Protein backbone atom coordinates (compact mmCIF):
# COMPACT_ATOMS: atom_id res chain seq x y z
CA MET A 1 6.35 28.39 -1.78
CA LYS A 2 4.39 31.58 -1.94
CA ILE A 3 0.66 31.08 -2.31
CA VAL A 4 -0.93 33.66 -4.50
CA SER A 5 -4.63 33.56 -5.29
CA ILE A 6 -6.04 35.39 -8.26
CA THR A 7 -9.72 36.22 -7.68
CA SER A 8 -12.56 38.50 -8.33
CA GLY A 9 -16.11 39.31 -7.47
CA LYS A 10 -17.42 38.73 -10.93
CA GLY A 11 -16.55 36.70 -14.08
CA GLY A 12 -15.17 37.81 -17.25
CA VAL A 13 -12.28 40.00 -15.75
CA GLY A 14 -9.50 37.85 -17.14
CA LYS A 15 -8.37 35.86 -14.23
CA THR A 16 -7.65 32.45 -15.88
CA SER A 17 -5.80 34.28 -18.74
CA LEU A 18 -3.70 36.20 -16.10
CA VAL A 19 -2.86 33.12 -13.98
CA CYS A 20 -1.69 31.12 -16.96
CA ASN A 21 0.36 34.02 -18.48
CA MET A 22 1.79 34.86 -14.94
CA ALA A 23 2.75 31.08 -14.51
CA LEU A 24 4.71 31.20 -17.86
CA GLY A 25 6.25 34.52 -16.96
CA LEU A 26 7.51 33.22 -13.64
CA SER A 27 8.83 30.11 -15.28
CA GLN A 28 10.81 32.26 -17.74
CA LEU A 29 12.32 33.96 -14.71
CA GLY A 30 13.61 30.46 -13.62
CA LYS A 31 10.80 29.88 -11.03
CA LYS A 32 8.91 26.55 -10.59
CA VAL A 33 5.32 27.17 -10.53
CA LEU A 34 2.20 25.02 -9.47
CA ILE A 35 -1.21 26.12 -10.70
CA PHE A 36 -4.35 25.00 -8.88
CA ASP A 37 -7.39 25.53 -11.08
CA GLY A 38 -9.77 26.41 -8.35
CA ASP A 39 -12.77 27.06 -10.71
CA LEU A 40 -14.11 23.81 -9.42
CA GLY A 41 -16.12 21.92 -11.84
CA MET A 42 -15.67 24.49 -14.55
CA ALA A 43 -11.95 24.51 -14.98
CA ASN A 44 -10.15 25.61 -18.09
CA VAL A 45 -6.54 26.37 -17.34
CA ASP A 46 -5.49 23.25 -19.32
CA ILE A 47 -7.10 24.51 -22.44
CA PHE A 48 -4.82 27.68 -22.41
CA PHE A 49 -1.71 25.52 -22.24
CA GLY A 50 -3.07 22.99 -24.65
CA VAL A 51 -2.76 19.99 -22.39
CA HIS A 52 -5.09 17.15 -21.57
CA PRO A 53 -4.83 16.19 -17.82
CA LYS A 54 -5.18 12.45 -17.16
CA ASN A 55 -6.15 13.12 -13.61
CA ASN A 56 -7.70 16.10 -11.72
CA LEU A 57 -8.89 17.47 -8.38
CA GLN A 58 -11.36 14.59 -8.12
CA ASP A 59 -8.87 12.01 -8.11
CA LEU A 60 -7.01 13.89 -5.38
CA VAL A 61 -10.16 13.94 -3.20
CA ASP A 62 -10.64 10.34 -3.90
CA GLY A 63 -7.24 9.55 -2.35
CA MET A 64 -4.85 9.48 -5.22
CA PRO A 65 -1.36 10.74 -4.38
CA LEU A 66 -0.88 14.47 -5.35
CA LYS A 67 1.98 13.83 -7.69
CA GLU A 68 -0.09 11.42 -9.73
CA CYS A 69 -2.80 14.10 -10.10
CA LEU A 70 -0.45 16.79 -11.47
CA THR A 71 -0.21 17.65 -15.31
CA SER A 72 3.00 19.14 -16.81
CA ALA A 73 1.73 22.18 -18.43
CA ALA A 74 4.94 23.94 -19.63
CA HIS A 75 8.60 24.04 -18.61
CA ASN A 76 8.66 24.41 -14.83
CA VAL A 77 4.94 24.74 -14.72
CA ASP A 78 2.58 21.97 -13.32
CA LEU A 79 -1.13 21.93 -13.09
CA LEU A 80 -3.65 20.48 -10.61
CA ALA A 81 -6.77 20.55 -12.94
CA GLY A 82 -10.04 21.46 -11.36
CA GLY A 83 -12.16 19.15 -13.58
CA ASN A 84 -14.79 20.28 -16.03
CA GLY A 85 -18.37 19.37 -15.70
CA LEU A 86 -17.85 17.72 -12.35
CA TYR A 87 -20.80 18.58 -10.27
CA SER A 88 -19.40 16.98 -7.09
CA LEU A 89 -16.47 19.38 -7.06
CA CYS A 90 -18.71 22.41 -6.69
CA HIS A 91 -19.78 21.04 -3.27
CA LEU A 92 -16.63 19.95 -1.38
CA ASN A 93 -17.15 20.16 2.35
CA ALA A 94 -15.08 22.06 4.70
CA PHE A 95 -12.98 19.01 5.68
CA GLN A 96 -12.25 18.12 1.88
CA ARG A 97 -11.26 21.72 1.27
CA ARG A 98 -8.81 21.72 4.02
CA GLU A 99 -7.43 18.39 3.09
CA VAL A 100 -6.74 19.67 -0.58
CA ILE A 101 -4.90 22.73 0.78
CA SER A 102 -2.94 20.47 3.20
CA ARG A 103 -2.00 18.14 0.39
CA LEU A 104 -0.77 21.16 -1.70
CA SER A 105 1.13 22.54 1.32
CA ASP A 106 3.12 19.31 1.32
CA MET A 107 4.69 20.48 -1.98
CA ASN A 108 6.14 23.50 -0.26
CA PHE A 109 9.81 22.82 -1.16
CA ALA A 110 9.05 21.56 -4.69
CA TYR A 111 7.70 24.95 -6.12
CA ASP A 112 8.46 28.61 -5.70
CA TYR A 113 4.87 29.65 -6.22
CA LEU A 114 1.37 28.16 -5.92
CA LEU A 115 -1.06 30.14 -8.16
CA ILE A 116 -4.68 29.63 -7.42
CA ASP A 117 -7.30 30.49 -10.10
CA THR A 118 -10.43 30.98 -8.10
CA SER A 119 -13.89 31.05 -9.60
CA PRO A 120 -15.71 34.35 -9.16
CA GLY A 121 -18.21 35.19 -6.44
CA LEU A 122 -18.63 34.43 -2.76
CA HIS A 123 -18.99 30.58 -2.62
CA ASP A 124 -17.42 28.92 0.40
CA HIS A 125 -14.73 27.31 -1.68
CA VAL A 126 -13.79 30.60 -3.19
CA LEU A 127 -13.53 32.38 0.19
CA HIS A 128 -11.49 29.51 1.60
CA LEU A 129 -8.99 29.43 -1.18
CA ASN A 130 -8.54 33.14 -0.87
CA SER A 131 -8.11 32.98 2.88
CA VAL A 132 -5.23 30.61 2.73
CA ALA A 133 -3.20 32.71 0.40
CA ASP A 134 -0.17 34.67 1.23
CA ASP A 135 -1.25 37.24 -1.35
CA CYS A 136 -4.90 37.57 -2.17
CA CYS A 137 -4.83 39.42 -5.55
CA VAL A 138 -8.17 41.00 -6.57
CA ILE A 139 -8.53 41.72 -10.37
CA LEU A 140 -10.52 44.88 -10.88
CA THR A 141 -11.84 46.31 -14.24
CA PRO A 142 -13.58 49.70 -15.07
CA ASP A 143 -16.77 47.82 -15.29
CA PRO A 144 -19.00 49.31 -12.36
CA SER A 145 -20.17 45.68 -11.48
CA SER A 146 -16.54 44.69 -11.03
CA PHE A 147 -16.08 47.63 -8.66
CA THR A 148 -18.94 46.66 -6.44
CA ASP A 149 -18.51 42.92 -6.61
CA SER A 150 -14.79 43.25 -5.67
CA TYR A 151 -15.79 45.44 -2.62
CA ALA A 152 -18.26 42.69 -1.59
CA LEU A 153 -15.62 39.99 -1.92
CA ILE A 154 -13.23 41.86 0.18
CA LYS A 155 -15.88 42.73 2.74
CA VAL A 156 -16.91 39.14 3.10
CA LEU A 157 -13.34 37.81 3.26
CA TYR A 158 -12.64 40.29 6.14
CA GLN A 159 -15.86 39.49 8.03
CA LYS A 160 -15.52 35.73 7.69
CA TYR A 161 -11.71 35.00 7.71
CA LYS A 162 -10.37 38.49 9.04
CA THR A 163 -8.34 38.81 5.85
CA GLN A 164 -6.80 42.22 6.01
CA LYS A 165 -4.26 42.54 3.18
CA PHE A 166 -5.25 42.39 -0.36
CA SER A 167 -3.41 43.24 -3.65
CA VAL A 168 -5.13 44.82 -6.69
CA ILE A 169 -4.40 44.46 -10.30
CA CYS A 170 -6.38 46.70 -12.67
CA ASN A 171 -7.26 44.83 -16.02
CA GLN A 172 -8.55 46.17 -19.28
CA VAL A 173 -7.69 49.81 -18.46
CA GLY A 174 -6.65 52.46 -21.04
CA ASN A 175 -3.20 52.86 -19.64
CA GLU A 176 -1.19 52.52 -16.44
CA LYS A 177 -2.17 56.01 -15.25
CA LEU A 178 -5.94 55.24 -15.63
CA GLY A 179 -5.27 52.04 -13.74
CA GLU A 180 -3.68 53.97 -10.90
CA GLN A 181 -6.79 56.23 -10.77
CA LEU A 182 -9.11 53.31 -10.76
CA PHE A 183 -7.17 51.71 -7.79
CA LEU A 184 -7.25 54.83 -5.90
CA ARG A 185 -11.06 55.34 -6.25
CA PHE A 186 -11.51 51.75 -5.21
CA ALA A 187 -9.29 51.99 -2.27
CA GLU A 188 -10.96 55.31 -1.07
CA VAL A 189 -14.40 53.47 -1.00
CA VAL A 190 -13.15 50.26 0.61
CA GLN A 191 -11.21 51.96 3.31
CA GLN A 192 -14.10 54.22 4.33
CA PHE A 193 -15.70 51.16 5.76
CA LEU A 194 -13.25 48.28 6.11
CA PRO A 195 -10.06 48.12 8.20
CA VAL A 196 -8.03 46.44 5.37
CA ARG A 197 -4.85 47.19 3.65
CA LEU A 198 -4.73 47.30 -0.23
CA SER A 199 -1.72 47.43 -2.32
CA TYR A 200 -1.54 48.21 -5.95
CA LYS A 201 0.47 45.84 -8.15
CA ARG A 202 0.14 47.20 -11.70
CA SER A 203 -2.30 47.49 -14.60
CA ILE A 204 -2.71 45.57 -17.64
CA PRO A 205 -3.94 47.75 -20.47
CA PHE A 206 -6.57 46.84 -22.91
CA ASP A 207 -4.85 45.09 -25.79
CA SER A 208 -6.71 43.81 -28.90
CA GLN A 209 -3.81 41.20 -29.14
CA LEU A 210 -4.73 39.86 -25.79
CA LYS A 211 -8.33 39.63 -26.62
CA LEU A 212 -7.69 37.75 -29.74
CA SER A 213 -5.22 35.55 -27.84
CA ASN A 214 -7.77 34.65 -25.28
CA GLN A 215 -10.47 33.98 -27.88
CA LEU A 216 -8.16 31.45 -29.47
CA GLN A 217 -7.30 30.20 -25.85
CA ARG A 218 -3.58 30.76 -26.25
CA LEU A 219 -1.15 32.55 -24.00
CA ILE A 220 -0.34 35.97 -24.97
CA LEU A 221 3.37 35.61 -23.73
CA ARG A 222 3.67 32.84 -26.40
CA GLN A 223 1.50 34.41 -29.01
CA ASP A 224 2.86 37.91 -28.98
CA PRO A 225 5.73 38.36 -26.26
CA LYS A 226 6.29 41.90 -27.14
CA SER A 227 2.68 43.07 -26.93
CA ILE A 228 1.81 45.73 -24.29
CA SER A 229 -0.18 43.18 -22.33
CA SER A 230 2.72 40.84 -22.42
CA VAL A 231 5.09 43.54 -21.19
CA ALA A 232 2.66 44.33 -18.38
CA VAL A 233 2.33 40.67 -17.17
CA LYS A 234 6.14 40.21 -17.31
CA ALA A 235 6.54 43.42 -15.07
CA ILE A 236 3.91 41.92 -12.52
CA CYS A 237 6.01 38.64 -12.54
CA MET A 238 9.29 40.56 -11.95
CA ASP A 239 7.67 42.60 -9.25
CA LEU A 240 6.36 39.34 -7.46
CA VAL A 241 9.90 37.88 -7.66
CA SER A 242 11.53 40.90 -6.38
CA GLN A 243 8.88 41.46 -3.55
CA GLN A 244 8.58 45.02 -4.59
CA GLN A 245 5.33 47.08 -4.59
CA LEU A 246 4.82 49.75 -6.91
CA THR A 247 3.25 53.09 -6.22
CA PRO A 248 0.53 54.05 -5.32
CA SER A 249 0.83 51.82 -2.25
CA ILE A 250 -0.78 52.14 1.06
CA SER A 251 2.27 51.48 2.89
CA ASN A 252 4.19 54.56 1.52
CA GLY A 253 1.49 56.99 1.38
CA VAL A 254 2.33 58.42 -2.13
CA ASN A 255 0.83 61.52 -3.30
CA GLY A 256 -0.02 62.52 0.32
CA LEU A 257 -2.72 59.75 0.49
CA ASP A 258 -1.31 58.16 3.57
CA SER A 259 -4.28 59.37 5.70
CA LEU A 260 -6.63 58.10 2.98
CA PHE A 261 -5.18 54.68 3.14
CA ARG A 262 -4.98 54.36 6.97
CA PRO A 263 -7.42 51.55 8.17
CA VAL A 264 -10.54 52.98 9.56
CA SER A 265 -13.53 51.38 11.14
CA GLY A 266 -16.93 51.64 9.89
CA HIS A 267 -19.93 49.76 8.41
CA ALA A 268 -21.26 49.41 4.77
């Protein structure tokens, strides 16, 4: 089971929508997916799938077996709901957080992917969930605050957990080329000061159909599977399954930028 966290430094960048659509896209490729709605106390993955979880993370913390806490969200997609309006979940201690991850890890052979939808920001539970992921994927948008907050998230994850490998998906961009340019600008800033490795997955172009689908709290892969955003999400899922990284990637030094992407030391 590969653990993928979908995270960001700020809210409103499309994390939950992406997680839900990625789960559906991976299931359409024959993969079995477990979603952990890690937006603790403010969870809403269930709404996108139109399901009503009987149990959630609070029940797991209280000792209920994990299988009884899961909700079938779609074919080959199960959900551990984070609970909505549950104040106690926002303040899990370190032992409880480790126990949750341990219980999820026990499902290692039952699923191909564990997708974690984190809440935005630098809270301890957000940092912990990102630190345990095999692939920590940061969602970046052209909004300047997304740029600075994503840098802050990566910086703190490196300083506190020594996380050194991150993926980046650029969302709400004009097209793939503009997404690549956004990634390159971001990577240049990050690697001036932090010895981390960034890899570019893909971009999801701004799509009015996706915006409408999100407003209706529906999945774009169901609502309009041929839309430009659906095509982009499906491509990300195919890349994830095939373990391929698209250019520009730090590892292959495309466009002569290998020196730019070489980890360097510094402070910011």
